[in-house]
Amino acid sequence: MDDSDTRRGRPTIHRVLAGNRGDGRTERFGLGAAVLAGDLAFTCHDPTLALAALASRWRLRPVPGAVVKPRAEMSRTPGPLPMVPEPR
């Protein structure tokens, strides 16, 4: 972290979270929160890049004869998907 107050013309996250006051406690809070935000961004980007690499080489097709119906619902434990991967 370079302790800059702005990035691309906008306030940096550690300055925003510190409330731009500059006292010791809020300054440390802003720096800590900015590190956590960066860690979160890094954690989220790794699986996204891996998925993009797979999707660029493979696609999923329905198993021949299987009926795939769109459903507007979510489930934490989805059932089996009748799909097969094939190279692009």
PDB file of N, CA and C in Angstrom:
ATOM      1  N   MET A   1       0.850  -1.159   0.000  1.00  0.00           N
ATOM      2  CA  MET A   1       0.000   0.000   0.000  1.00  0.00           C
ATOM      3  C   MET A   1       0.905   1.235   0.000  1.00  0.00           C
ATOM      4  N   ASP A   2       0.597   2.168  -0.846  1.00  0.00           N
ATOM      5  CA  ASP A   2       1.475   3.335  -0.980  1.00  0.00           C
ATOM      6  C   ASP A   2       1.008   4.550  -0.187  1.00  0.00           C
ATOM      7  N   ASP A   3      -0.035   4.410   0.624  1.00  0.00           N
ATOM      8  CA  ASP A   3      -0.545   5.478   1.485  1.00  0.00           C
ATOM      9  C   ASP A   3      -1.065   6.677   0.704  1.00  0.00           C
ATOM     10  N   SER A   4      -1.446   6.459  -0.542  1.00  0.00           N
ATOM     11  CA  SER A   4      -1.980   7.543  -1.358  1.00  0.00           C
ATOM     12  C   SER A   4      -3.404   7.873  -0.925  1.00  0.00           C
ATOM     13  N   ASP A   5      -3.773   9.136  -1.034  1.00  0.00           N
ATOM     14  CA  ASP A   5      -5.127   9.551  -0.675  1.00  0.00           C
ATOM     15  C   ASP A   5      -6.131   9.315  -1.796  1.00  0.00           C
ATOM     16  N   THR A   6      -5.650   9.270  -3.038  1.00  0.00           N
ATOM     17  CA  THR A   6      -6.544   9.062  -4.174  1.00  0.00           C
ATOM     18  C   THR A   6      -5.976   8.018  -5.127  1.00  0.00           C
ATOM     19  N   ARG A   7      -6.885   7.419  -5.872  1.00  0.00           N
ATOM     20  CA  ARG A   7      -6.493   6.465  -6.911  1.00  0.00           C
ATOM     21  C   ARG A   7      -7.419   6.711  -8.078  1.00  0.00           C
ATOM     22  N   ARG A   8      -6.839   7.029  -9.230  1.00  0.00           N
ATOM     23  CA  ARG A   8      -7.611   7.362 -10.432  1.00  0.00           C
ATOM     24  C   ARG A   8      -8.626   8.476 -10.157  1.00  0.00           C
ATOM     25  N   GLY A   9      -8.219   9.447  -9.360  1.00  0.00           N
ATOM     26  CA  GLY A   9      -9.050  10.604  -9.089  1.00  0.00           C
ATOM     27  C   GLY A   9     -10.119  10.409  -8.028  1.00  0.00           C
ATOM     28  N   ARG A  10     -10.191   9.239  -7.419  1.00  0.00           N
ATOM     29  CA  ARG A  10     -11.188   8.968  -6.383  1.00  0.00           C
ATOM     30  C   ARG A  10     -10.484   8.628  -5.076  1.00  0.00           C
ATOM     31  N   PRO A  11     -11.128   8.850  -3.946  1.00  0.00           N
ATOM     32  CA  PRO A  11     -10.495   8.521  -2.664  1.00  0.00           C
ATOM     33  C   PRO A  11     -10.215   7.024  -2.555  1.00  0.00           C
ATOM     34  N   THR A  12      -9.078   6.678  -1.966  1.00  0.00           N
ATOM     35  CA  THR A  12      -8.752   5.269  -1.760  1.00  0.00           C
ATOM     36  C   THR A  12      -9.621   4.699  -0.649  1.00  0.00           C
ATOM     37  N   ILE A  13      -9.779   3.365  -0.665  1.00  0.00           N
ATOM     38  CA  ILE A  13     -10.698   2.746   0.291  1.00  0.00           C
ATOM     39  C   ILE A  13     -10.242   2.944   1.729  1.00  0.00           C
ATOM     40  N   HIS A  14      -8.933   2.928   1.969  1.00  0.00           N
ATOM     41  CA  HIS A  14      -8.506   3.086   3.359  1.00  0.00           C
ATOM     42  C   HIS A  14      -8.764   4.501   3.871  1.00  0.00           C
ATOM     43  N   ARG A  15      -8.751   5.490   2.982  1.00  0.00           N
ATOM     44  CA  ARG A  15      -9.093   6.858   3.394  1.00  0.00           C
ATOM     45  C   ARG A  15     -10.596   7.007   3.619  1.00  0.00           C
ATOM     46  N   VAL A  16     -11.384   6.376   2.759  1.00  0.00           N
ATOM     47  CA  VAL A  16     -12.839   6.442   2.924  1.00  0.00           C
ATOM     48  C   VAL A  16     -13.244   5.777   4.239  1.00  0.00           C
ATOM     49  N   LEU A  17     -12.703   4.592   4.508  1.00  0.00           N
ATOM     50  CA  LEU A  17     -13.075   3.872   5.723  1.00  0.00           C
ATOM     51  C   LEU A  17     -12.529   4.529   6.982  1.00  0.00           C
ATOM     52  N   ALA A  18     -11.434   5.236   6.873  1.00  0.00           N
ATOM     53  CA  ALA A  18     -10.889   5.963   8.026  1.00  0.00           C
ATOM     54  C   ALA A  18     -11.649   7.260   8.253  1.00  0.00           C
ATOM     55  N   GLY A  19     -12.520   7.612   7.363  1.00  0.00           N
ATOM     56  CA  GLY A  19     -13.313   8.816   7.515  1.00  0.00           C
ATOM     57  C   GLY A  19     -12.541  10.082   7.205  1.00  0.00           C
ATOM     58  N   ASN A  20     -11.399   9.949   6.536  1.00  0.00           N
ATOM     59  CA  ASN A  20     -10.557  11.086   6.155  1.00  0.00           C
ATOM     60  C   ASN A  20     -10.172  11.969   7.353  1.00  0.00           C
ATOM     61  N   ARG A  21     -10.171  11.401   8.566  1.00  0.00           N
ATOM     62  CA  ARG A  21      -9.827  12.182   9.756  1.00  0.00           C
ATOM     63  C   ARG A  21      -8.335  12.214  10.028  1.00  0.00           C
ATOM     64  N   GLY A  22      -7.681  11.089   9.805  1.00  0.00           N
ATOM     65  CA  GLY A  22      -6.238  11.069   9.985  1.00  0.00           C
ATOM     66  C   GLY A  22      -5.784  10.796  11.401  1.00  0.00           C
ATOM     67  N   ASP A  23      -6.717  10.546  12.369  1.00  0.00           N
ATOM     68  CA  ASP A  23      -6.233  10.202  13.710  1.00  0.00           C
ATOM     69  C   ASP A  23      -5.796   8.740  13.729  1.00  0.00           C
ATOM     70  N   GLY A  24      -5.062   8.343  14.726  1.00  0.00           N
ATOM     71  CA  GLY A  24      -4.420   7.028  14.756  1.00  0.00           C
ATOM     72  C   GLY A  24      -5.364   5.846  14.698  1.00  0.00           C
ATOM     73  N   ARG A  25      -6.433   5.869  15.477  1.00  0.00           N
ATOM     74  CA  ARG A  25      -7.320   4.709  15.543  1.00  0.00           C
ATOM     75  C   ARG A  25      -8.102   4.511  14.247  1.00  0.00           C
ATOM     76  N   THR A  26      -8.673   5.570  13.728  1.00  0.00           N
ATOM     77  CA  THR A  26      -9.438   5.414  12.487  1.00  0.00           C
ATOM     78  C   THR A  26      -8.515   5.138  11.310  1.00  0.00           C
ATOM     79  N   GLU A  27      -7.292   5.655  11.382  1.00  0.00           N
ATOM     80  CA  GLU A  27      -6.307   5.374  10.331  1.00  0.00           C
ATOM     81  C   GLU A  27      -5.989   3.877  10.293  1.00  0.00           C
ATOM     82  N   ARG A  28      -5.750   3.278  11.454  1.00  0.00           N
ATOM     83  CA  ARG A  28      -5.453   1.841  11.517  1.00  0.00           C
ATOM     84  C   ARG A  28      -6.656   1.017  11.061  1.00  0.00           C
ATOM     85  N   PHE A  29      -7.867   1.451  11.453  1.00  0.00           N
ATOM     86  CA  PHE A  29      -9.072   0.749  11.004  1.00  0.00           C
ATOM     87  C   PHE A  29      -9.170   0.779   9.485  1.00  0.00           C
ATOM     88  N   GLY A  30      -8.955   1.939   8.893  1.00  0.00           N
ATOM     89  CA  GLY A  30      -9.038   2.066   7.440  1.00  0.00           C
ATOM     90  C   GLY A  30      -8.026   1.196   6.729  1.00  0.00           C
ATOM     91  N   LEU A  31      -6.798   1.145   7.255  1.00  0.00           N
ATOM     92  CA  LEU A  31      -5.758   0.311   6.634  1.00  0.00           C
ATOM     93  C   LEU A  31      -6.100  -1.168   6.750  1.00  0.00           C
ATOM     94  N   GLY A  32      -6.552  -1.584   7.931  1.00  0.00           N
ATOM     95  CA  GLY A  32      -6.918  -2.987   8.117  1.00  0.00           C
ATOM     96  C   GLY A  32      -8.073  -3.406   7.226  1.00  0.00           C
ATOM     97  N   ALA A  33      -9.091  -2.549   7.140  1.00  0.00           N
ATOM     98  CA  ALA A  33     -10.243  -2.857   6.291  1.00  0.00           C
ATOM     99  C   ALA A  33      -9.853  -2.910   4.816  1.00  0.00           C
ATOM    100  N   ALA A  34      -8.932  -2.034   4.407  1.00  0.00           N
ATOM    101  CA  ALA A  34      -8.488  -2.043   3.010  1.00  0.00           C
ATOM    102  C   ALA A  34      -7.730  -3.329   2.690  1.00  0.00           C
ATOM    103  N   VAL A  35      -6.930  -3.823   3.632  1.00  0.00           N
ATOM    104  CA  VAL A  35      -6.215  -5.087   3.424  1.00  0.00           C
ATOM    105  C   VAL A  35      -7.217  -6.232   3.289  1.00  0.00           C
ATOM    106  N   LEU A  36      -8.238  -6.250   4.144  1.00  0.00           N
ATOM    107  CA  LEU A  36      -9.267  -7.295   4.044  1.00  0.00           C
ATOM    108  C   LEU A  36     -10.021  -7.216   2.717  1.00  0.00           C
ATOM    109  N   ALA A  37     -10.326  -6.008   2.262  1.00  0.00           N
ATOM    110  CA  ALA A  37     -11.014  -5.850   0.969  1.00  0.00           C
ATOM    111  C   ALA A  37     -10.141  -6.372  -0.164  1.00  0.00           C
ATOM    112  N   GLY A  38      -8.845  -6.104  -0.100  1.00  0.00           N
ATOM    113  CA  GLY A  38      -7.927  -6.611  -1.119  1.00  0.00           C
ATOM    114  C   GLY A  38      -7.831  -8.125  -1.094  1.00  0.00           C
ATOM    115  N   ASP A  39      -7.787  -8.713   0.124  1.00  0.00           N
ATOM    116  CA  ASP A  39      -7.750 -10.169   0.242  1.00  0.00           C
ATOM    117  C   ASP A  39      -9.014 -10.796  -0.334  1.00  0.00           C
ATOM    118  N   LEU A  40     -10.157 -10.171  -0.076  1.00  0.00           N
ATOM    119  CA  LEU A  40     -11.420 -10.673  -0.622  1.00  0.00           C
ATOM    120  C   LEU A  40     -11.417 -10.626  -2.146  1.00  0.00           C
ATOM    121  N   ALA A  41     -10.944  -9.525  -2.699  1.00  0.00           N
ATOM    122  CA  ALA A  41     -10.888  -9.399  -4.159  1.00  0.00           C
ATOM    123  C   ALA A  41      -9.967 -10.461  -4.755  1.00  0.00           C
ATOM    124  N   PHE A  42      -8.826 -10.706  -4.117  1.00  0.00           N
ATOM    125  CA  PHE A  42      -7.892 -11.713  -4.609  1.00  0.00           C
ATOM    126  C   PHE A  42      -8.510 -13.105  -4.525  1.00  0.00           C
ATOM    127  N   THR A  43      -9.199 -13.395  -3.420  1.00  0.00           N
ATOM    128  CA  THR A  43      -9.828 -14.701  -3.239  1.00  0.00           C
ATOM    129  C   THR A  43     -10.901 -14.951  -4.281  1.00  0.00           C
ATOM    130  N   CYS A  44     -11.670 -13.925  -4.618  1.00  0.00           N
ATOM    131  CA  CYS A  44     -12.749 -14.080  -5.598  1.00  0.00           C
ATOM    132  C   CYS A  44     -12.225 -14.164  -7.028  1.00  0.00           C
ATOM    133  N   HIS A  45     -11.089 -13.538  -7.305  1.00  0.00           N
ATOM    134  CA  HIS A  45     -10.605 -13.503  -8.683  1.00  0.00           C
ATOM    135  C   HIS A  45     -10.007 -14.840  -9.108  1.00  0.00           C
ATOM    136  N   ASP A  46      -9.417 -15.597  -8.192  1.00  0.00           N
ATOM    137  CA  ASP A  46      -8.753 -16.841  -8.560  1.00  0.00           C
ATOM    138  C   ASP A  46      -9.735 -17.873  -9.131  1.00  0.00           C
ATOM    139  N   PRO A  47     -10.841 -18.190  -8.444  1.00  0.00           N
ATOM    140  CA  PRO A  47     -11.792 -19.132  -9.052  1.00  0.00           C
ATOM    141  C   PRO A  47     -12.424 -18.608 -10.336  1.00  0.00           C
ATOM    142  N   THR A  48     -12.600 -17.308 -10.442  1.00  0.00           N
ATOM    143  CA  THR A  48     -13.184 -16.731 -11.650  1.00  0.00           C
ATOM    144  C   THR A  48     -12.270 -16.956 -12.847  1.00  0.00           C
ATOM    145  N   LEU A  49     -10.967 -16.735 -12.650  1.00  0.00           N
ATOM    146  CA  LEU A  49     -10.021 -16.979 -13.740  1.00  0.00           C
ATOM    147  C   LEU A  49      -9.941 -18.461 -14.103  1.00  0.00           C
ATOM    148  N   ALA A  50      -9.996 -19.326 -13.108  1.00  0.00           N
ATOM    149  CA  ALA A  50      -9.958 -20.767 -13.384  1.00  0.00           C
ATOM    150  C   ALA A  50     -11.193 -21.189 -14.188  1.00  0.00           C
ATOM    151  N   LEU A  51     -12.360 -20.683 -13.795  1.00  0.00           N
ATOM    152  CA  LEU A  51     -13.588 -21.008 -14.520  1.00  0.00           C
ATOM    153  C   LEU A  51     -13.548 -20.467 -15.946  1.00  0.00           C
ATOM    154  N   ALA A  52     -13.003 -19.269 -16.120  1.00  0.00           N
ATOM    155  CA  ALA A  52     -12.898 -18.694 -17.462  1.00  0.00           C
ATOM    156  C   ALA A  52     -11.971 -19.527 -18.340  1.00  0.00           C
ATOM    157  N   ALA A  53     -10.878 -20.027 -17.771  1.00  0.00           N
ATOM    158  CA  ALA A  53      -9.954 -20.866 -18.543  1.00  0.00           C
ATOM    159  C   ALA A  53     -10.634 -22.166 -18.969  1.00  0.00           C
ATOM    160  N   LEU A  54     -11.408 -22.772 -18.065  1.00  0.00           N
ATOM    161  CA  LEU A  54     -12.129 -23.995 -18.422  1.00  0.00           C
ATOM    162  C   LEU A  54     -13.191 -23.724 -19.483  1.00  0.00           C
ATOM    163  N   ALA A  55     -13.941 -22.631 -19.298  1.00  0.00           N
ATOM    164  CA  ALA A  55     -15.026 -22.316 -20.233  1.00  0.00           C
ATOM    165  C   ALA A  55     -14.502 -21.971 -21.621  1.00  0.00           C
ATOM    166  N   SER A  56     -13.263 -21.503 -21.717  1.00  0.00           N
ATOM    167  CA  SER A  56     -12.722 -21.191 -23.036  1.00  0.00           C
ATOM    168  C   SER A  56     -12.356 -22.457 -23.817  1.00  0.00           C
ATOM    169  N   ARG A  57     -12.199 -23.578 -23.105  1.00  0.00           N
ATOM    170  CA  ARG A  57     -11.789 -24.818 -23.767  1.00  0.00           C
ATOM    171  C   ARG A  57     -12.899 -25.867 -23.848  1.00  0.00           C
ATOM    172  N   TRP A  58     -13.894 -25.757 -22.959  1.00  0.00           N
ATOM    173  CA  TRP A  58     -14.950 -26.758 -22.868  1.00  0.00           C
ATOM    174  C   TRP A  58     -16.318 -26.092 -22.867  1.00  0.00           C
ATOM    175  N   ARG A  59     -17.318 -26.820 -23.312  1.00  0.00           N
ATOM    176  CA  ARG A  59     -18.708 -26.377 -23.182  1.00  0.00           C
ATOM    177  C   ARG A  59     -19.533 -27.573 -22.717  1.00  0.00           C
ATOM    178  N   LEU A  60     -20.670 -27.290 -22.107  1.00  0.00           N
ATOM    179  CA  LEU A  60     -21.555 -28.349 -21.636  1.00  0.00           C
ATOM    180  C   LEU A  60     -22.725 -28.494 -22.591  1.00  0.00           C
ATOM    181  N   ARG A  61     -23.028 -29.720 -22.910  1.00  0.00           N
ATOM    182  CA  ARG A  61     -24.166 -30.030 -23.770  1.00  0.00           C
ATOM    183  C   ARG A  61     -25.093 -30.980 -23.007  1.00  0.00           C
ATOM    184  N   PRO A  62     -26.396 -30.879 -23.220  1.00  0.00           N
ATOM    185  CA  PRO A  62     -27.306 -31.849 -22.594  1.00  0.00           C
ATOM    186  C   PRO A  62     -27.015 -33.264 -23.085  1.00  0.00           C
ATOM    187  N   VAL A  63     -27.168 -34.213 -22.216  1.00  0.00           N
ATOM    188  CA  VAL A  63     -27.020 -35.616 -22.592  1.00  0.00           C
ATOM    189  C   VAL A  63     -28.088 -35.926 -23.632  1.00  0.00           C
ATOM    190  N   PRO A  64     -27.737 -36.629 -24.723  1.00  0.00           N
ATOM    191  CA  PRO A  64     -28.742 -36.944 -25.741  1.00  0.00           C
ATOM    192  C   PRO A  64     -29.949 -37.642 -25.125  1.00  0.00           C
ATOM    193  N   GLY A  65     -31.131 -37.123 -25.437  1.00  0.00           N
ATOM    194  CA  GLY A  65     -32.374 -37.688 -24.929  1.00  0.00           C
ATOM    195  C   GLY A  65     -32.827 -37.098 -23.598  1.00  0.00           C
ATOM    196  N   ALA A  66     -31.962 -36.370 -22.916  1.00  0.00           N
ATOM    197  CA  ALA A  66     -32.347 -35.766 -21.630  1.00  0.00           C
ATOM    198  C   ALA A  66     -33.121 -34.483 -21.872  1.00  0.00           C
ATOM    199  N   VAL A  67     -34.085 -34.237 -21.035  1.00  0.00           N
ATOM    200  CA  VAL A  67     -34.879 -33.021 -21.128  1.00  0.00           C
ATOM    201  C   VAL A  67     -34.366 -32.057 -20.062  1.00  0.00           C
ATOM    202  N   VAL A  68     -33.906 -30.917 -20.511  1.00  0.00           N
ATOM    203  CA  VAL A  68     -33.417 -29.897 -19.584  1.00  0.00           C
ATOM    204  C   VAL A  68     -34.420 -28.761 -19.589  1.00  0.00           C
ATOM    205  N   LYS A  69     -35.085 -28.563 -18.441  1.00  0.00           N
ATOM    206  CA  LYS A  69     -36.100 -27.523 -18.331  1.00  0.00           C
ATOM    207  C   LYS A  69     -35.543 -26.359 -17.503  1.00  0.00           C
ATOM    208  N   PRO A  70     -35.701 -25.138 -17.991  1.00  0.00           N
ATOM    209  CA  PRO A  70     -35.279 -24.002 -17.165  1.00  0.00           C
ATOM    210  C   PRO A  70     -36.180 -23.870 -15.942  1.00  0.00           C
ATOM    211  N   ARG A  71     -35.553 -23.588 -14.795  1.00  0.00           N
ATOM    212  CA  ARG A  71     -36.309 -23.414 -13.556  1.00  0.00           C
ATOM    213  C   ARG A  71     -35.836 -22.151 -12.866  1.00  0.00           C
ATOM    214  N   ALA A  72     -36.770 -21.372 -12.390  1.00  0.00           N
ATOM    215  CA  ALA A  72     -36.449 -20.122 -11.712  1.00  0.00           C
ATOM    216  C   ALA A  72     -36.414 -20.357 -10.210  1.00  0.00           C
ATOM    217  N   GLU A  73     -35.448 -21.149  -9.768  1.00  0.00           N
ATOM    218  CA  GLU A  73     -35.287 -21.393  -8.339  1.00  0.00           C
ATOM    219  C   GLU A  73     -33.832 -21.723  -8.054  1.00  0.00           C
ATOM    220  N   MET A  74     -33.484 -21.604  -6.801  1.00  0.00           N
ATOM    221  CA  MET A  74     -32.111 -21.905  -6.394  1.00  0.00           C
ATOM    222  C   MET A  74     -32.132 -23.024  -5.366  1.00  0.00           C
ATOM    223  N   SER A  75     -31.038 -23.736  -5.302  1.00  0.00           N
ATOM    224  CA  SER A  75     -30.910 -24.805  -4.317  1.00  0.00           C
ATOM    225  C   SER A  75     -29.463 -24.883  -3.870  1.00  0.00           C
ATOM    226  N   ARG A  76     -29.276 -25.118  -2.585  1.00  0.00           N
ATOM    227  CA  ARG A  76     -27.904 -25.282  -2.097  1.00  0.00           C
ATOM    228  C   ARG A  76     -27.358 -26.642  -2.478  1.00  0.00           C
ATOM    229  N   THR A  77     -28.233 -27.588  -2.724  1.00  0.00           N
ATOM    230  CA  THR A  77     -27.810 -28.935  -3.108  1.00  0.00           C
ATOM    231  C   THR A  77     -28.544 -29.331  -4.386  1.00  0.00           C
ATOM    232  N   PRO A  78     -28.072 -28.849  -5.535  1.00  0.00           N
ATOM    233  CA  PRO A  78     -28.771 -29.172  -6.782  1.00  0.00           C
ATOM    234  C   PRO A  78     -28.652 -30.652  -7.113  1.00  0.00           C
ATOM    235  N   GLY A  79     -29.634 -31.140  -7.832  1.00  0.00           N
ATOM    236  CA  GLY A  79     -29.605 -32.519  -8.266  1.00  0.00           C
ATOM    237  C   GLY A  79     -28.620 -32.689  -9.420  1.00  0.00           C
ATOM    238  N   PRO A  80     -28.470 -33.919  -9.892  1.00  0.00           N
ATOM    239  CA  PRO A  80     -27.534 -34.157 -10.989  1.00  0.00           C
ATOM    240  C   PRO A  80     -27.983 -33.448 -12.270  1.00  0.00           C
ATOM    241  N   LEU A  81     -27.044 -32.891 -12.966  1.00  0.00           N
ATOM    242  CA  LEU A  81     -27.333 -32.216 -14.225  1.00  0.00           C
ATOM    243  C   LEU A  81     -27.033 -33.174 -15.370  1.00  0.00           C
ATOM    244  N   PRO A  82     -27.997 -33.423 -16.228  1.00  0.00           N
ATOM    245  CA  PRO A  82     -27.750 -34.347 -17.343  1.00  0.00           C
ATOM    246  C   PRO A  82     -26.968 -33.640 -18.458  1.00  0.00           C
ATOM    247  N   MET A  83     -25.707 -33.328 -18.184  1.00  0.00           N
ATOM    248  CA  MET A  83     -24.868 -32.618 -19.148  1.00  0.00           C
ATOM    249  C   MET A  83     -23.553 -33.383 -19.337  1.00  0.00           C
ATOM    250  N   VAL A  84     -22.980 -33.222 -20.512  1.00  0.00           N
ATOM    251  CA  VAL A  84     -21.657 -33.812 -20.785  1.00  0.00           C
ATOM    252  C   VAL A  84     -20.740 -32.711 -21.313  1.00  0.00           C
ATOM    253  N   PRO A  85     -19.473 -32.721 -20.880  1.00  0.00           N
ATOM    254  CA  PRO A  85     -18.531 -31.726 -21.396  1.00  0.00           C
ATOM    255  C   PRO A  85     -18.009 -32.147 -22.770  1.00  0.00           C
ATOM    256  N   GLU A  86     -17.757 -31.172 -23.614  1.00  0.00           N
ATOM    257  CA  GLU A  86     -17.120 -31.458 -24.912  1.00  0.00           C
ATOM    258  C   GLU A  86     -16.162 -30.316 -25.237  1.00  0.00           C
ATOM    259  N   PRO A  87     -15.070 -30.635 -25.911  1.00  0.00           N
ATOM    260  CA  PRO A  87     -14.110 -29.568 -26.259  1.00  0.00           C
ATOM    261  C   PRO A  87     -14.718 -28.574 -27.233  1.00  0.00           C
ATOM    262  N   ARG A  88     -14.273 -27.348 -27.160  1.00  0.00           N
ATOM    263  CA  ARG A  88     -14.747 -26.326 -28.087  1.00  0.00           C
ATOM    264  C   ARG A  88     -14.013 -26.459 -29.402  1.00  0.00           C
TER     265      ARG A  88
END
